[in-house]
N, C-alpha and C. Protein backbone atom coordinates (compact mmCIF):
# COMPACT_ATOMS: atom_id res chain seq x y z
N MET A 1 4.58 9.73 25.65
CA MET A 1 5.78 9.08 25.16
C MET A 1 5.48 7.58 25.05
N ALA A 2 5.89 7.03 23.97
CA ALA A 2 5.63 5.61 23.72
C ALA A 2 6.94 4.87 23.48
N THR A 3 6.94 3.60 23.83
CA THR A 3 8.08 2.75 23.53
C THR A 3 7.97 2.28 22.09
N ALA A 4 9.05 1.73 21.56
CA ALA A 4 9.02 1.18 20.21
C ALA A 4 7.98 0.07 20.11
N ALA A 5 7.87 -0.76 21.15
CA ALA A 5 6.88 -1.84 21.14
C ALA A 5 5.47 -1.28 21.11
N GLN A 6 5.21 -0.22 21.87
CA GLN A 6 3.88 0.40 21.86
C GLN A 6 3.57 1.01 20.50
N LEU A 7 4.55 1.70 19.92
CA LEU A 7 4.32 2.28 18.59
C LEU A 7 4.01 1.19 17.57
N GLY A 8 4.60 0.02 17.72
CA GLY A 8 4.33 -1.09 16.82
C GLY A 8 2.88 -1.53 16.85
N ASP A 9 2.19 -1.27 17.96
CA ASP A 9 0.78 -1.63 18.09
C ASP A 9 -0.16 -0.56 17.53
N TRP A 10 0.35 0.62 17.28
CA TRP A 10 -0.50 1.69 16.75
C TRP A 10 -0.87 1.37 15.31
N ARG A 11 -2.11 1.43 14.98
CA ARG A 11 -2.58 1.14 13.62
C ARG A 11 -3.08 2.38 12.89
N ALA A 12 -3.83 3.25 13.60
CA ALA A 12 -4.43 4.42 12.95
C ALA A 12 -3.93 5.69 13.61
N CYS A 13 -3.84 6.74 12.83
CA CYS A 13 -3.41 8.05 13.30
C CYS A 13 -4.42 8.58 14.32
N PRO A 14 -3.95 9.03 15.50
CA PRO A 14 -4.88 9.57 16.49
C PRO A 14 -5.48 10.91 16.09
N ARG A 15 -4.89 11.59 15.08
CA ARG A 15 -5.42 12.86 14.60
C ARG A 15 -6.51 12.69 13.56
N CYS A 16 -6.22 11.83 12.55
CA CYS A 16 -7.12 11.78 11.40
C CYS A 16 -7.66 10.39 11.08
N GLY A 17 -7.14 9.36 11.73
CA GLY A 17 -7.65 8.00 11.53
C GLY A 17 -7.03 7.24 10.37
N THR A 18 -6.11 7.82 9.63
CA THR A 18 -5.44 7.16 8.51
C THR A 18 -4.49 6.08 9.02
N ALA A 19 -4.32 5.01 8.25
CA ALA A 19 -3.38 3.95 8.62
C ALA A 19 -1.97 4.53 8.69
N LEU A 20 -1.25 4.14 9.72
CA LEU A 20 0.10 4.65 9.94
C LEU A 20 1.14 3.83 9.22
N GLU A 21 2.23 4.48 8.84
CA GLU A 21 3.40 3.80 8.27
C GLU A 21 4.39 3.60 9.41
N HIS A 22 4.90 2.36 9.53
CA HIS A 22 5.78 2.02 10.65
C HIS A 22 7.23 1.91 10.19
N ALA A 23 8.12 2.50 11.00
CA ALA A 23 9.56 2.30 10.86
C ALA A 23 10.01 1.59 12.15
N GLU A 24 11.30 1.36 12.28
CA GLU A 24 11.78 0.60 13.44
C GLU A 24 11.42 1.26 14.77
N ARG A 25 11.59 2.58 14.88
CA ARG A 25 11.35 3.28 16.14
C ARG A 25 10.43 4.48 15.98
N SER A 26 9.56 4.45 14.97
CA SER A 26 8.66 5.57 14.75
C SER A 26 7.45 5.17 13.93
N VAL A 27 6.46 6.05 13.93
CA VAL A 27 5.29 5.92 13.05
C VAL A 27 5.05 7.27 12.39
N VAL A 28 4.55 7.23 11.15
CA VAL A 28 4.25 8.45 10.39
C VAL A 28 2.88 8.29 9.76
N CYS A 29 2.12 9.38 9.79
CA CYS A 29 0.82 9.39 9.10
C CYS A 29 1.03 10.01 7.73
N PRO A 30 0.76 9.26 6.65
CA PRO A 30 0.96 9.81 5.30
C PRO A 30 -0.08 10.88 4.94
N SER A 31 -1.15 10.97 5.72
CA SER A 31 -2.20 11.93 5.42
C SER A 31 -1.97 13.29 6.07
N CYS A 32 -1.84 13.31 7.40
CA CYS A 32 -1.71 14.60 8.09
C CYS A 32 -0.28 14.93 8.50
N GLY A 33 0.66 13.98 8.35
CA GLY A 33 2.06 14.24 8.64
C GLY A 33 2.48 14.02 10.08
N LEU A 34 1.59 13.53 10.93
CA LEU A 34 1.97 13.25 12.32
C LEU A 34 3.14 12.27 12.33
N GLU A 35 4.15 12.57 13.16
CA GLU A 35 5.29 11.68 13.37
C GLU A 35 5.47 11.48 14.85
N GLU A 36 5.56 10.23 15.26
CA GLU A 36 5.81 9.90 16.66
C GLU A 36 7.02 8.98 16.73
N TYR A 37 7.90 9.27 17.69
CA TYR A 37 9.13 8.53 17.86
C TYR A 37 9.19 7.90 19.24
N ALA A 38 9.85 6.77 19.33
CA ALA A 38 10.12 6.15 20.62
C ALA A 38 11.35 6.83 21.21
N ASN A 39 11.13 7.63 22.25
CA ASN A 39 12.20 8.35 22.91
C ASN A 39 12.24 7.98 24.38
N PRO A 40 13.42 8.00 24.98
CA PRO A 40 13.49 7.68 26.41
C PRO A 40 12.92 8.80 27.26
N ALA A 41 12.42 8.44 28.42
CA ALA A 41 11.95 9.42 29.40
C ALA A 41 13.14 9.87 30.24
N PRO A 42 13.34 11.18 30.40
CA PRO A 42 14.49 11.67 31.16
C PRO A 42 14.24 11.66 32.67
N THR A 43 15.30 11.32 33.40
CA THR A 43 15.28 11.38 34.86
C THR A 43 16.47 12.21 35.33
N ALA A 44 16.37 12.72 36.55
CA ALA A 44 17.48 13.44 37.18
C ALA A 44 17.66 12.85 38.57
N SER A 45 18.88 12.43 38.87
CA SER A 45 19.16 11.76 40.13
C SER A 45 20.46 12.27 40.74
N ALA A 46 20.62 11.99 42.04
CA ALA A 46 21.78 12.49 42.75
C ALA A 46 22.53 11.38 43.46
N LEU A 47 23.82 11.49 43.43
CA LEU A 47 24.71 10.70 44.28
C LEU A 47 24.98 11.61 45.48
N VAL A 48 24.19 11.44 46.54
CA VAL A 48 24.28 12.30 47.71
C VAL A 48 25.34 11.74 48.66
N LEU A 49 26.31 12.60 48.99
CA LEU A 49 27.38 12.23 49.91
C LEU A 49 27.29 13.07 51.17
N ASP A 50 27.60 12.46 52.31
CA ASP A 50 27.65 13.23 53.55
C ASP A 50 29.09 13.68 53.80
N GLU A 51 29.31 14.34 54.94
CA GLU A 51 30.64 14.88 55.26
C GLU A 51 31.69 13.79 55.42
N ARG A 52 31.26 12.54 55.66
CA ARG A 52 32.19 11.42 55.79
C ARG A 52 32.38 10.67 54.47
N GLY A 53 31.72 11.13 53.39
CA GLY A 53 31.86 10.49 52.09
C GLY A 53 30.94 9.30 51.88
N ARG A 54 29.99 9.09 52.82
CA ARG A 54 29.04 7.99 52.66
C ARG A 54 27.97 8.37 51.64
N ILE A 55 27.39 7.34 51.01
CA ILE A 55 26.38 7.50 49.97
C ILE A 55 25.00 7.23 50.56
N LEU A 56 24.06 8.14 50.25
CA LEU A 56 22.68 7.96 50.70
C LEU A 56 21.92 7.13 49.66
N LEU A 57 21.36 6.01 50.11
CA LEU A 57 20.56 5.15 49.25
C LEU A 57 19.13 5.09 49.77
N ALA A 58 18.20 4.85 48.85
CA ALA A 58 16.79 4.71 49.19
C ALA A 58 16.33 3.31 48.82
N ARG A 59 15.62 2.68 49.74
CA ARG A 59 14.99 1.40 49.43
C ARG A 59 13.61 1.75 48.86
N ARG A 60 13.33 1.25 47.65
CA ARG A 60 12.09 1.60 46.96
C ARG A 60 10.88 0.97 47.64
N ALA A 61 9.81 1.75 47.75
CA ALA A 61 8.58 1.26 48.36
C ALA A 61 7.69 0.53 47.35
N GLY A 62 7.78 0.89 46.07
CA GLY A 62 6.90 0.30 45.06
C GLY A 62 7.66 -0.21 43.86
N ASP A 63 6.91 -0.85 42.98
CA ASP A 63 7.49 -1.37 41.74
C ASP A 63 7.67 -0.26 40.71
N PRO A 64 8.59 -0.46 39.79
CA PRO A 64 9.51 -1.59 39.70
C PRO A 64 10.60 -1.52 40.78
N GLY A 65 11.02 -2.69 41.17
CA GLY A 65 12.12 -2.80 42.12
C GLY A 65 11.74 -2.57 43.57
N ALA A 66 10.52 -2.89 43.95
CA ALA A 66 10.10 -2.72 45.34
C ALA A 66 11.07 -3.44 46.27
N ARG A 67 11.44 -2.74 47.35
CA ARG A 67 12.33 -3.25 48.41
C ARG A 67 13.81 -3.32 47.99
N LEU A 68 14.12 -2.86 46.79
CA LEU A 68 15.52 -2.83 46.34
C LEU A 68 16.07 -1.42 46.50
N TRP A 69 17.41 -1.31 46.52
CA TRP A 69 18.08 -0.02 46.71
C TRP A 69 18.16 0.77 45.42
N ASP A 70 18.23 2.08 45.56
CA ASP A 70 18.31 3.00 44.42
C ASP A 70 18.94 4.29 44.90
N LEU A 71 19.45 5.08 43.96
CA LEU A 71 19.85 6.45 44.27
C LEU A 71 18.59 7.31 44.21
N LEU A 72 18.66 8.50 44.74
CA LEU A 72 17.49 9.38 44.83
C LEU A 72 17.34 10.21 43.57
N GLY A 73 16.09 10.37 43.13
CA GLY A 73 15.79 11.17 41.96
C GLY A 73 14.49 10.70 41.35
N GLY A 74 14.21 11.18 40.15
CA GLY A 74 12.98 10.77 39.51
C GLY A 74 12.79 11.38 38.14
N PHE A 75 11.60 11.18 37.60
CA PHE A 75 11.27 11.63 36.25
C PHE A 75 11.08 13.14 36.20
N MET A 76 11.55 13.71 35.10
CA MET A 76 11.38 15.14 34.86
C MET A 76 9.94 15.42 34.45
N ASP A 77 9.38 16.52 34.95
CA ASP A 77 8.08 17.00 34.50
C ASP A 77 8.28 17.82 33.23
N GLU A 78 7.24 17.92 32.41
CA GLU A 78 7.33 18.75 31.21
C GLU A 78 7.70 20.18 31.59
N GLY A 79 8.65 20.76 30.87
CA GLY A 79 9.06 22.13 31.10
C GLY A 79 9.97 22.33 32.29
N GLU A 80 10.30 21.28 33.00
CA GLU A 80 11.13 21.37 34.19
C GLU A 80 12.60 21.18 33.82
N ALA A 81 13.45 22.03 34.35
CA ALA A 81 14.89 21.89 34.12
C ALA A 81 15.41 20.71 34.94
N PRO A 82 16.46 20.03 34.46
CA PRO A 82 16.96 18.86 35.18
C PRO A 82 17.32 19.11 36.65
N LEU A 83 17.96 20.23 36.95
CA LEU A 83 18.33 20.47 38.35
C LEU A 83 17.13 20.84 39.20
N GLU A 84 16.09 21.42 38.60
CA GLU A 84 14.82 21.62 39.32
C GLU A 84 14.25 20.26 39.71
N THR A 85 14.25 19.32 38.75
CA THR A 85 13.76 17.97 39.02
C THR A 85 14.55 17.35 40.16
N LEU A 86 15.85 17.44 40.08
CA LEU A 86 16.71 16.85 41.10
C LEU A 86 16.37 17.38 42.49
N ARG A 87 16.30 18.69 42.62
CA ARG A 87 16.00 19.29 43.93
C ARG A 87 14.59 18.94 44.39
N ARG A 88 13.60 18.98 43.49
CA ARG A 88 12.22 18.64 43.84
C ARG A 88 12.12 17.19 44.32
N GLU A 89 12.71 16.28 43.56
CA GLU A 89 12.64 14.86 43.92
C GLU A 89 13.31 14.59 45.27
N LEU A 90 14.45 15.21 45.52
CA LEU A 90 15.11 15.00 46.81
C LEU A 90 14.27 15.52 47.97
N ARG A 91 13.64 16.71 47.79
CA ARG A 91 12.74 17.22 48.84
C ARG A 91 11.57 16.28 49.05
N GLU A 92 10.95 15.82 47.94
CA GLU A 92 9.78 14.95 48.04
C GLU A 92 10.12 13.59 48.66
N GLU A 93 11.25 13.02 48.29
CA GLU A 93 11.60 11.67 48.73
C GLU A 93 12.25 11.63 50.11
N THR A 94 12.90 12.73 50.51
CA THR A 94 13.69 12.68 51.75
C THR A 94 13.51 13.86 52.68
N GLY A 95 12.94 14.97 52.20
CA GLY A 95 12.87 16.19 52.99
C GLY A 95 14.17 16.97 53.00
N LEU A 96 15.16 16.55 52.23
CA LEU A 96 16.47 17.19 52.24
C LEU A 96 16.60 18.26 51.16
N GLU A 97 17.40 19.27 51.48
CA GLU A 97 17.85 20.24 50.49
C GLU A 97 19.29 19.87 50.17
N VAL A 98 19.66 19.97 48.89
CA VAL A 98 21.02 19.59 48.49
C VAL A 98 21.69 20.71 47.72
N GLU A 99 23.01 20.68 47.79
CA GLU A 99 23.86 21.54 46.97
C GLU A 99 24.35 20.66 45.83
N VAL A 100 23.98 21.01 44.60
CA VAL A 100 24.31 20.17 43.44
C VAL A 100 25.74 20.48 42.99
N GLY A 101 26.48 19.42 42.73
CA GLY A 101 27.87 19.55 42.29
C GLY A 101 28.05 19.09 40.85
N GLU A 102 29.10 18.35 40.64
CA GLU A 102 29.55 17.91 39.31
C GLU A 102 28.53 17.00 38.62
N PHE A 103 28.38 17.22 37.31
CA PHE A 103 27.57 16.31 36.49
C PHE A 103 28.37 15.02 36.31
N LEU A 104 27.74 13.89 36.60
CA LEU A 104 28.44 12.60 36.57
C LEU A 104 28.16 11.78 35.32
N GLY A 105 27.10 12.11 34.57
CA GLY A 105 26.85 11.40 33.33
C GLY A 105 25.39 11.05 33.12
N GLY A 106 25.13 10.50 31.94
CA GLY A 106 23.80 10.04 31.56
C GLY A 106 23.88 8.59 31.13
N ILE A 107 22.98 7.77 31.66
CA ILE A 107 23.03 6.33 31.41
C ILE A 107 21.65 5.84 30.97
N PRO A 108 21.55 5.21 29.79
CA PRO A 108 20.26 4.65 29.38
C PRO A 108 19.94 3.36 30.13
N ASP A 109 18.67 3.11 30.32
CA ASP A 109 18.23 1.91 31.02
C ASP A 109 16.73 1.75 30.79
N ARG A 110 16.16 0.71 31.35
CA ARG A 110 14.70 0.50 31.32
C ARG A 110 14.15 0.68 32.72
N TYR A 111 12.92 1.16 32.80
CA TYR A 111 12.24 1.34 34.08
C TYR A 111 11.51 0.04 34.40
N GLY A 112 12.27 -0.94 34.88
CA GLY A 112 11.76 -2.28 35.09
C GLY A 112 12.09 -3.14 33.88
N ALA A 113 11.95 -4.45 34.02
CA ALA A 113 12.36 -5.38 32.97
C ALA A 113 11.72 -5.11 31.62
N GLU A 114 10.46 -4.79 31.58
CA GLU A 114 9.75 -4.52 30.33
C GLU A 114 9.27 -3.08 30.25
N GLY A 115 9.77 -2.22 31.12
CA GLY A 115 9.29 -0.85 31.20
C GLY A 115 9.82 0.03 30.09
N ILE A 116 9.45 1.30 30.17
CA ILE A 116 9.89 2.27 29.18
C ILE A 116 11.39 2.48 29.28
N TRP A 117 11.99 2.92 28.18
CA TRP A 117 13.39 3.29 28.20
C TRP A 117 13.52 4.64 28.88
N THR A 118 14.59 4.80 29.64
CA THR A 118 14.88 6.05 30.32
C THR A 118 16.29 6.49 29.96
N ILE A 119 16.55 7.79 30.13
CA ILE A 119 17.91 8.29 30.12
C ILE A 119 18.08 8.97 31.47
N ASN A 120 19.01 8.44 32.25
CA ASN A 120 19.16 8.80 33.66
C ASN A 120 20.37 9.71 33.83
N PHE A 121 20.10 10.98 34.15
CA PHE A 121 21.15 11.97 34.35
C PHE A 121 21.50 12.05 35.82
N TYR A 122 22.80 12.04 36.12
CA TYR A 122 23.28 12.01 37.51
C TYR A 122 24.20 13.19 37.81
N TRP A 123 24.03 13.72 39.03
CA TRP A 123 24.90 14.75 39.58
C TRP A 123 25.36 14.34 40.96
N ALA A 124 26.55 14.76 41.33
CA ALA A 124 26.98 14.64 42.72
C ALA A 124 26.24 15.71 43.51
N ALA A 125 25.97 15.44 44.78
CA ALA A 125 25.28 16.42 45.63
C ALA A 125 25.73 16.24 47.07
N ARG A 126 25.66 17.35 47.80
CA ARG A 126 25.96 17.34 49.22
C ARG A 126 24.77 17.92 49.97
N LEU A 127 24.60 17.50 51.21
CA LEU A 127 23.50 17.99 52.03
C LEU A 127 23.64 19.49 52.26
N ALA A 128 22.52 20.21 52.13
CA ALA A 128 22.51 21.65 52.40
C ALA A 128 21.51 21.99 53.50
N GLY A 129 20.68 21.03 53.91
CA GLY A 129 19.73 21.28 54.98
C GLY A 129 18.69 20.19 55.10
N GLY A 130 18.11 20.11 56.29
CA GLY A 130 17.06 19.13 56.54
C GLY A 130 17.58 17.86 57.16
N GLU A 131 16.66 17.08 57.68
CA GLU A 131 16.96 15.77 58.24
C GLU A 131 16.32 14.72 57.34
N PRO A 132 17.06 13.68 56.93
CA PRO A 132 16.49 12.69 56.02
C PRO A 132 15.36 11.89 56.67
N HIS A 133 14.23 11.84 55.99
CA HIS A 133 13.13 10.97 56.39
C HIS A 133 12.46 10.46 55.12
N PRO A 134 12.17 9.16 55.05
CA PRO A 134 11.61 8.59 53.82
C PRO A 134 10.17 9.04 53.59
N ALA A 135 9.86 9.38 52.35
CA ALA A 135 8.49 9.73 51.94
C ALA A 135 7.74 8.45 51.60
N ASP A 136 6.50 8.57 51.13
CA ASP A 136 5.67 7.39 50.89
C ASP A 136 6.18 6.48 49.78
N ASP A 137 6.98 7.02 48.84
CA ASP A 137 7.52 6.17 47.77
C ASP A 137 8.88 5.59 48.13
N VAL A 138 9.36 5.88 49.34
CA VAL A 138 10.64 5.38 49.83
C VAL A 138 10.38 4.59 51.10
N ALA A 139 10.80 3.33 51.12
CA ALA A 139 10.60 2.48 52.30
C ALA A 139 11.63 2.74 53.38
N GLU A 140 12.84 3.14 52.97
CA GLU A 140 13.93 3.30 53.93
C GLU A 140 15.02 4.15 53.30
N LEU A 141 15.70 4.94 54.11
CA LEU A 141 16.89 5.66 53.70
C LEU A 141 18.05 5.18 54.57
N ALA A 142 19.23 5.02 53.95
CA ALA A 142 20.39 4.56 54.72
C ALA A 142 21.67 5.09 54.08
N TRP A 143 22.65 5.38 54.94
CA TRP A 143 23.97 5.82 54.50
C TRP A 143 24.89 4.60 54.43
N PHE A 144 25.67 4.52 53.35
CA PHE A 144 26.60 3.41 53.17
C PHE A 144 27.98 3.94 52.83
N PRO A 145 29.04 3.35 53.42
CA PRO A 145 30.39 3.69 52.99
C PRO A 145 30.57 3.31 51.52
N GLN A 146 31.34 4.12 50.80
CA GLN A 146 31.54 3.85 49.37
C GLN A 146 32.18 2.50 49.10
N GLY A 147 32.88 1.95 50.06
CA GLY A 147 33.53 0.66 49.88
C GLY A 147 32.71 -0.51 50.39
N ALA A 148 31.46 -0.27 50.81
CA ALA A 148 30.66 -1.37 51.38
C ALA A 148 29.18 -1.18 51.05
N LEU A 149 28.89 -1.02 49.79
CA LEU A 149 27.49 -0.89 49.36
C LEU A 149 26.80 -2.26 49.38
N PRO A 150 25.47 -2.28 49.40
CA PRO A 150 24.78 -3.58 49.30
C PRO A 150 25.23 -4.33 48.04
N ARG A 151 24.94 -5.62 48.00
CA ARG A 151 25.29 -6.43 46.83
C ARG A 151 24.58 -5.91 45.58
N ARG A 152 25.17 -6.12 44.40
CA ARG A 152 24.60 -5.66 43.13
C ARG A 152 23.14 -6.09 42.95
N GLU A 153 22.84 -7.33 43.33
CA GLU A 153 21.49 -7.85 43.11
C GLU A 153 20.46 -7.21 44.04
N GLU A 154 20.92 -6.38 44.97
CA GLU A 154 20.00 -5.67 45.86
C GLU A 154 19.62 -4.29 45.33
N PHE A 155 20.05 -3.97 44.10
CA PHE A 155 19.73 -2.68 43.48
C PHE A 155 18.63 -2.86 42.44
N ALA A 156 17.78 -1.85 42.33
CA ALA A 156 16.62 -1.91 41.44
C ALA A 156 16.98 -1.78 39.96
N PHE A 157 18.02 -1.00 39.64
CA PHE A 157 18.28 -0.68 38.23
C PHE A 157 19.76 -0.81 37.88
N ALA A 158 20.01 -1.27 36.68
CA ALA A 158 21.38 -1.42 36.19
C ALA A 158 22.08 -0.07 36.08
N ASN A 159 21.34 1.00 35.74
CA ASN A 159 21.99 2.31 35.59
C ASN A 159 22.55 2.80 36.92
N THR A 160 21.91 2.46 38.03
CA THR A 160 22.41 2.84 39.35
C THR A 160 23.74 2.14 39.63
N ILE A 161 23.81 0.86 39.35
CA ILE A 161 25.04 0.10 39.53
C ILE A 161 26.15 0.67 38.67
N GLU A 162 25.82 0.97 37.41
CA GLU A 162 26.82 1.52 36.49
C GLU A 162 27.37 2.85 37.00
N LEU A 163 26.49 3.71 37.49
CA LEU A 163 26.94 5.01 38.00
C LEU A 163 27.82 4.82 39.23
N LEU A 164 27.41 3.95 40.14
CA LEU A 164 28.21 3.71 41.35
C LEU A 164 29.58 3.13 41.00
N GLU A 165 29.64 2.25 40.04
CA GLU A 165 30.94 1.72 39.59
C GLU A 165 31.78 2.83 38.96
N HIS A 166 31.14 3.71 38.20
CA HIS A 166 31.83 4.83 37.54
C HIS A 166 32.54 5.73 38.55
N VAL A 167 31.93 5.92 39.72
CA VAL A 167 32.55 6.78 40.73
C VAL A 167 33.48 6.01 41.67
N GLY A 168 33.66 4.73 41.42
CA GLY A 168 34.61 3.94 42.20
C GLY A 168 34.07 3.28 43.44
N ALA A 169 32.75 3.30 43.63
CA ALA A 169 32.16 2.64 44.79
C ALA A 169 32.25 1.12 44.58
N THR A 170 32.27 0.38 45.68
CA THR A 170 32.33 -1.08 45.58
C THR A 170 31.18 -1.71 46.35
N PHE A 171 30.82 -2.90 45.92
CA PHE A 171 29.67 -3.61 46.45
C PHE A 171 30.12 -4.77 47.31
N ARG A 172 29.27 -5.12 48.28
CA ARG A 172 29.55 -6.30 49.08
C ARG A 172 29.45 -7.54 48.21
N PRO A 173 30.25 -8.56 48.50
CA PRO A 173 30.19 -9.79 47.68
C PRO A 173 28.91 -10.56 47.93
């Protein structure tokens, strides 16, 4: 998957070597017909709530957004269904099993300031088993009341803030 900026740098067709024709968000080979489009990478994430209604947040261990807060989830693998991704990522990042609930929406964003475009799909989830422990890509896990989340600038991605606002959570000033 390539970004529009990356496609703009492509000069020759990777199949046949012919010069490519460029459009705003795609390239086409006039010889062999190859077409490549700039499409967002899909993610599946969860708004995990405990029995008290608190939200589970993860402090990111690496870039983009190292040491900033995020909701749990990650990139979909090829051929993987979104809810498979969601459950796999939660197990990998926290050791938790979750019961997936309501679909909360899809929000476009970038994976870092100059990163690839993503489309971030969110579901509500409740704990179904396990004890939370951070994996190597998570520096810390913490529960926060919905009315007292960390400040906006302490979050890694705009889509996370948008989703939290959508569900009525509030941030510390």
